Amino acid sequence: MDGDLARIELELETNFYGPLRVTRAFAPILASNGGGAILNVLSVLSWFHLPSTGAYSAAKAAAWAMTDVARQELGPSGIHVAALHVVYMDTDMAAHIDAPKADPARVASLALDGIENDLTEILADDTTRNVKQGLSAPPTSPAAIAA
């Protein structure tokens, strides 16, 4: 709530407007070629929001909503739109985090399999699957979820 507004705007620019712009740029090309697929890389934080990740979570939640709308709008043009959700991948972005990380090659393989099987959401790890499964539960505090 009291974070640097410029940093919050950067999160939205990167994680919401970025995928929106890419989708807008490629959708006409894919449609003119008879269809294809768009994969938006999201996060478990699209659904699970912590104070320390508020702006990132908000941007990823917005990107999740945009992905759902894009799927509906672009489907008639033969464009499949899917969301990839993952906790941490073993990349430079997560290098400073001391937690289990998914192998990027494995995540890429899951993503490609998901697209091939027309999945709308691809859940790349157990934590993501557990959080997704719990979305219908009443909201609880992060401490209660971690316990």
C-alpha atoms as a PDB file:
ATOM      1  CA  MET A   1       0.000   0.000   0.000  1.00  0.00           C
ATOM      2  CA  ASP A   2       2.894   2.351   0.588  1.00  0.00           C
ATOM      3  CA  GLY A   3       5.316   1.020  -2.030  1.00  0.00           C
ATOM      4  CA  ASP A   4       7.086   3.217  -4.542  1.00  0.00           C
ATOM      5  CA  LEU A   5       4.495   3.974  -7.208  1.00  0.00           C
ATOM      6  CA  ALA A   6       7.127   3.978  -9.964  1.00  0.00           C
ATOM      7  CA  ARG A   7       8.122   0.409  -9.042  1.00  0.00           C
ATOM      8  CA  ILE A   8       4.476  -0.654  -8.957  1.00  0.00           C
ATOM      9  CA  GLU A   9       3.963   0.861 -12.398  1.00  0.00           C
ATOM     10  CA  LEU A  10       7.055  -1.005 -13.638  1.00  0.00           C
ATOM     11  CA  GLU A  11       5.586  -4.315 -12.431  1.00  0.00           C
ATOM     12  CA  LEU A  12       2.356  -3.584 -14.308  1.00  0.00           C
ATOM     13  CA  GLU A  13       4.246  -2.411 -17.390  1.00  0.00           C
ATOM     14  CA  THR A  14       6.350  -5.572 -17.441  1.00  0.00           C
ATOM     15  CA  ASN A  15       3.924  -8.246 -16.272  1.00  0.00           C
ATOM     16  CA  PHE A  16       0.577  -7.012 -17.601  1.00  0.00           C
ATOM     17  CA  TYR A  17       1.109  -4.540 -20.418  1.00  0.00           C
ATOM     18  CA  GLY A  18       4.062  -6.540 -21.796  1.00  0.00           C
ATOM     19  CA  PRO A  19       2.054  -9.725 -22.436  1.00  0.00           C
ATOM     20  CA  LEU A  20      -0.894  -7.657 -23.657  1.00  0.00           C
ATOM     21  CA  ARG A  21       1.287  -5.890 -26.211  1.00  0.00           C
ATOM     22  CA  VAL A  22       2.872  -9.147 -27.365  1.00  0.00           C
ATOM     23  CA  THR A  23      -0.568 -10.734 -27.736  1.00  0.00           C
ATOM     24  CA  ARG A  24      -1.849  -7.751 -29.718  1.00  0.00           C
ATOM     25  CA  ALA A  25       1.230  -7.799 -31.956  1.00  0.00           C
ATOM     26  CA  PHE A  26       1.118 -11.513 -32.784  1.00  0.00           C
ATOM     27  CA  ALA A  27      -2.627 -12.243 -32.852  1.00  0.00           C
ATOM     28  CA  PRO A  28      -3.199 -10.771 -36.330  1.00  0.00           C
ATOM     29  CA  ILE A  29      -0.204 -12.656 -37.708  1.00  0.00           C
ATOM     30  CA  LEU A  30      -1.315 -15.943 -36.161  1.00  0.00           C
ATOM     31  CA  ALA A  31      -4.882 -15.417 -37.412  1.00  0.00           C
ATOM     32  CA  SER A  32      -3.700 -14.672 -40.953  1.00  0.00           C
ATOM     33  CA  ASN A  33      -1.670 -17.889 -40.883  1.00  0.00           C
ATOM     34  CA  GLY A  34      -4.674 -19.967 -39.835  1.00  0.00           C
ATOM     35  CA  GLY A  35      -4.155 -19.946 -36.074  1.00  0.00           C
ATOM     36  CA  GLY A  36      -1.572 -20.921 -33.520  1.00  0.00           C
ATOM     37  CA  ALA A  37      -0.955 -20.533 -29.801  1.00  0.00           C
ATOM     38  CA  ILE A  38      -0.037 -17.869 -27.300  1.00  0.00           C
ATOM     39  CA  LEU A  39       1.395 -18.885 -23.930  1.00  0.00           C
ATOM     40  CA  ASN A  40       1.454 -16.313 -21.143  1.00  0.00           C
ATOM     41  CA  VAL A  41       3.918 -17.129 -18.388  1.00  0.00           C
ATOM     42  CA  LEU A  42       2.200 -16.198 -15.158  1.00  0.00           C
ATOM     43  CA  SER A  43       2.836 -17.256 -11.582  1.00  0.00           C
ATOM     44  CA  VAL A  44       1.278 -18.923  -8.584  1.00  0.00           C
ATOM     45  CA  LEU A  45       1.208 -15.326  -7.331  1.00  0.00           C
ATOM     46  CA  SER A  46      -1.585 -14.702  -9.838  1.00  0.00           C
ATOM     47  CA  TRP A  47      -3.762 -16.309  -7.156  1.00  0.00           C
ATOM     48  CA  PHE A  48      -1.742 -16.153  -3.917  1.00  0.00           C
ATOM     49  CA  HIS A  49      -1.040 -12.616  -2.734  1.00  0.00           C
ATOM     50  CA  LEU A  50       1.472 -11.639  -0.069  1.00  0.00           C
ATOM     51  CA  PRO A  51       2.270  -8.125   1.176  1.00  0.00           C
ATOM     52  CA  SER A  52       5.868  -8.479  -0.016  1.00  0.00           C
ATOM     53  CA  THR A  53       4.724  -9.252  -3.573  1.00  0.00           C
ATOM     54  CA  GLY A  54       1.677  -7.000  -3.871  1.00  0.00           C
ATOM     55  CA  ALA A  55       2.526  -5.195  -7.112  1.00  0.00           C
ATOM     56  CA  TYR A  56       3.897  -8.312  -8.807  1.00  0.00           C
ATOM     57  CA  SER A  57       0.852 -10.325  -7.711  1.00  0.00           C
ATOM     58  CA  ALA A  58      -1.520  -7.607  -8.912  1.00  0.00           C
ATOM     59  CA  ALA A  59       0.202  -7.507 -12.296  1.00  0.00           C
ATOM     60  CA  LYS A  60       0.144 -11.303 -12.641  1.00  0.00           C
ATOM     61  CA  ALA A  61      -3.521 -11.452 -11.548  1.00  0.00           C
ATOM     62  CA  ALA A  62      -4.343  -8.844 -14.195  1.00  0.00           C
ATOM     63  CA  ALA A  63      -2.381 -10.852 -16.769  1.00  0.00           C
ATOM     64  CA  TRP A  64      -4.335 -13.969 -15.778  1.00  0.00           C
ATOM     65  CA  ALA A  65      -7.607 -12.105 -16.409  1.00  0.00           C
ATOM     66  CA  MET A  66      -6.262 -10.749 -19.700  1.00  0.00           C
ATOM     67  CA  THR A  67      -5.274 -14.279 -20.721  1.00  0.00           C
ATOM     68  CA  ASP A  68      -8.812 -15.517 -20.060  1.00  0.00           C
ATOM     69  CA  VAL A  69     -10.309 -12.711 -22.141  1.00  0.00           C
ATOM     70  CA  ALA A  70      -7.772 -13.167 -24.949  1.00  0.00           C
ATOM     71  CA  ARG A  71      -8.625 -16.885 -25.069  1.00  0.00           C
ATOM     72  CA  GLN A  72     -12.299 -16.056 -25.614  1.00  0.00           C
ATOM     73  CA  GLU A  73     -11.652 -13.291 -28.133  1.00  0.00           C
ATOM     74  CA  LEU A  74      -8.989 -15.092 -30.168  1.00  0.00           C
ATOM     75  CA  GLY A  75     -10.374 -18.628 -30.087  1.00  0.00           C
ATOM     76  CA  PRO A  76     -12.684 -18.057 -33.076  1.00  0.00           C
ATOM     77  CA  SER A  77      -9.579 -17.067 -35.088  1.00  0.00           C
ATOM     78  CA  GLY A  78      -7.964 -20.426 -34.356  1.00  0.00           C
ATOM     79  CA  ILE A  79      -5.637 -19.020 -31.709  1.00  0.00           C
ATOM     80  CA  HIS A  80      -5.293 -21.046 -28.529  1.00  0.00           C
ATOM     81  CA  VAL A  81      -4.338 -18.925 -25.514  1.00  0.00           C
ATOM     82  CA  ALA A  82      -2.957 -20.641 -22.426  1.00  0.00           C
ATOM     83  CA  ALA A  83      -1.540 -19.607 -19.074  1.00  0.00           C
ATOM     84  CA  LEU A  84       1.527 -21.194 -17.507  1.00  0.00           C
ATOM     85  CA  HIS A  85       1.633 -20.946 -13.721  1.00  0.00           C
ATOM     86  CA  VAL A  86       4.780 -21.782 -11.763  1.00  0.00           C
ATOM     87  CA  VAL A  87       6.285 -20.960  -8.357  1.00  0.00           C
ATOM     88  CA  TYR A  88      10.030 -20.667  -8.895  1.00  0.00           C
ATOM     89  CA  MET A  89      12.113 -21.736 -11.848  1.00  0.00           C
ATOM     90  CA  ASP A  90      15.854 -22.173 -11.616  1.00  0.00           C
ATOM     91  CA  THR A  91      16.642 -18.942 -13.473  1.00  0.00           C
ATOM     92  CA  ASP A  92      18.564 -15.750 -12.785  1.00  0.00           C
ATOM     93  CA  MET A  93      15.324 -14.107 -11.624  1.00  0.00           C
ATOM     94  CA  ALA A  94      15.002 -16.580  -8.743  1.00  0.00           C
ATOM     95  CA  ALA A  95      18.704 -17.065  -8.009  1.00  0.00           C
ATOM     96  CA  HIS A  96      18.484 -15.149  -4.718  1.00  0.00           C
ATOM     97  CA  ILE A  97      15.603 -17.275  -3.408  1.00  0.00           C
ATOM     98  CA  ASP A  98      16.373 -20.193  -1.115  1.00  0.00           C
ATOM     99  CA  ALA A  99      13.535 -22.537  -2.040  1.00  0.00           C
ATOM    100  CA  PRO A 100      12.953 -25.501  -4.321  1.00  0.00           C
ATOM    101  CA  LYS A 101      12.968 -24.495  -7.982  1.00  0.00           C
ATOM    102  CA  ALA A 102      11.603 -26.146 -11.080  1.00  0.00           C
ATOM    103  CA  ASP A 103      13.920 -27.079 -13.924  1.00  0.00           C
ATOM    104  CA  PRO A 104      13.193 -24.638 -16.791  1.00  0.00           C
ATOM    105  CA  ALA A 105      13.540 -27.456 -19.339  1.00  0.00           C
ATOM    106  CA  ARG A 106      10.888 -29.469 -17.502  1.00  0.00           C
ATOM    107  CA  VAL A 107       8.595 -26.425 -17.307  1.00  0.00           C
ATOM    108  CA  ALA A 108       9.058 -25.804 -21.037  1.00  0.00           C
ATOM    109  CA  SER A 109       8.224 -29.449 -21.769  1.00  0.00           C
ATOM    110  CA  LEU A 110       5.064 -29.230 -19.625  1.00  0.00           C
ATOM    111  CA  ALA A 111       4.101 -26.004 -21.386  1.00  0.00           C
ATOM    112  CA  LEU A 112       4.491 -27.525 -24.842  1.00  0.00           C
ATOM    113  CA  ASP A 113       2.556 -30.641 -23.797  1.00  0.00           C
ATOM    114  CA  GLY A 114      -0.179 -28.417 -22.380  1.00  0.00           C
ATOM    115  CA  ILE A 115      -0.473 -26.424 -25.586  1.00  0.00           C
ATOM    116  CA  GLU A 116      -0.508 -29.620 -27.660  1.00  0.00           C
ATOM    117  CA  ASN A 117      -3.344 -30.934 -25.461  1.00  0.00           C
ATOM    118  CA  ASP A 118      -5.314 -27.647 -25.656  1.00  0.00           C
ATOM    119  CA  LEU A 119      -5.025 -26.948 -21.928  1.00  0.00           C
ATOM    120  CA  THR A 120      -6.040 -23.447 -20.918  1.00  0.00           C
ATOM    121  CA  GLU A 121      -3.961 -23.509 -17.750  1.00  0.00           C
ATOM    122  CA  ILE A 122      -0.698 -25.346 -17.297  1.00  0.00           C
ATOM    123  CA  LEU A 123       0.333 -25.873 -13.688  1.00  0.00           C
ATOM    124  CA  ALA A 124       4.058 -26.536 -13.548  1.00  0.00           C
ATOM    125  CA  ASP A 125       4.606 -27.711  -9.981  1.00  0.00           C
ATOM    126  CA  ASP A 126       2.920 -29.186  -6.915  1.00  0.00           C
ATOM    127  CA  THR A 127       2.729 -25.875  -5.047  1.00  0.00           C
ATOM    128  CA  THR A 128       0.937 -24.253  -7.975  1.00  0.00           C
ATOM    129  CA  ARG A 129      -1.466 -27.182  -8.266  1.00  0.00           C
ATOM    130  CA  ASN A 130      -2.219 -27.019  -4.517  1.00  0.00           C
ATOM    131  CA  VAL A 131      -2.817 -23.268  -4.560  1.00  0.00           C
ATOM    132  CA  LYS A 132      -5.072 -23.559  -7.627  1.00  0.00           C
ATOM    133  CA  GLN A 133      -7.042 -26.341  -5.955  1.00  0.00           C
ATOM    134  CA  GLY A 134      -7.549 -24.156  -2.877  1.00  0.00           C
ATOM    135  CA  LEU A 135      -8.967 -21.155  -4.751  1.00  0.00           C
ATOM    136  CA  SER A 136     -12.525 -22.040  -3.820  1.00  0.00           C
ATOM    137  CA  ALA A 137     -11.695 -22.056  -0.106  1.00  0.00           C
ATOM    138  CA  PRO A 138     -12.442 -18.956   1.974  1.00  0.00           C
ATOM    139  CA  PRO A 139      -9.499 -16.529   2.141  1.00  0.00           C
ATOM    140  CA  THR A 140      -7.131 -17.096   5.030  1.00  0.00           C
ATOM    141  CA  SER A 141      -4.048 -15.373   6.276  1.00  0.00           C
ATOM    142  CA  PRO A 142      -0.721 -16.293   4.636  1.00  0.00           C
ATOM    143  CA  ALA A 143       0.455 -17.662   7.988  1.00  0.00           C
ATOM    144  CA  ALA A 144      -2.459 -20.104   8.049  1.00  0.00           C
ATOM    145  CA  ILE A 145      -1.702 -21.256   4.512  1.00  0.00           C
ATOM    146  CA  ALA A 146       1.986 -21.813   5.269  1.00  0.00           C
ATOM    147  CA  ALA A 147       1.189 -23.892   8.370  1.00  0.00           C
END
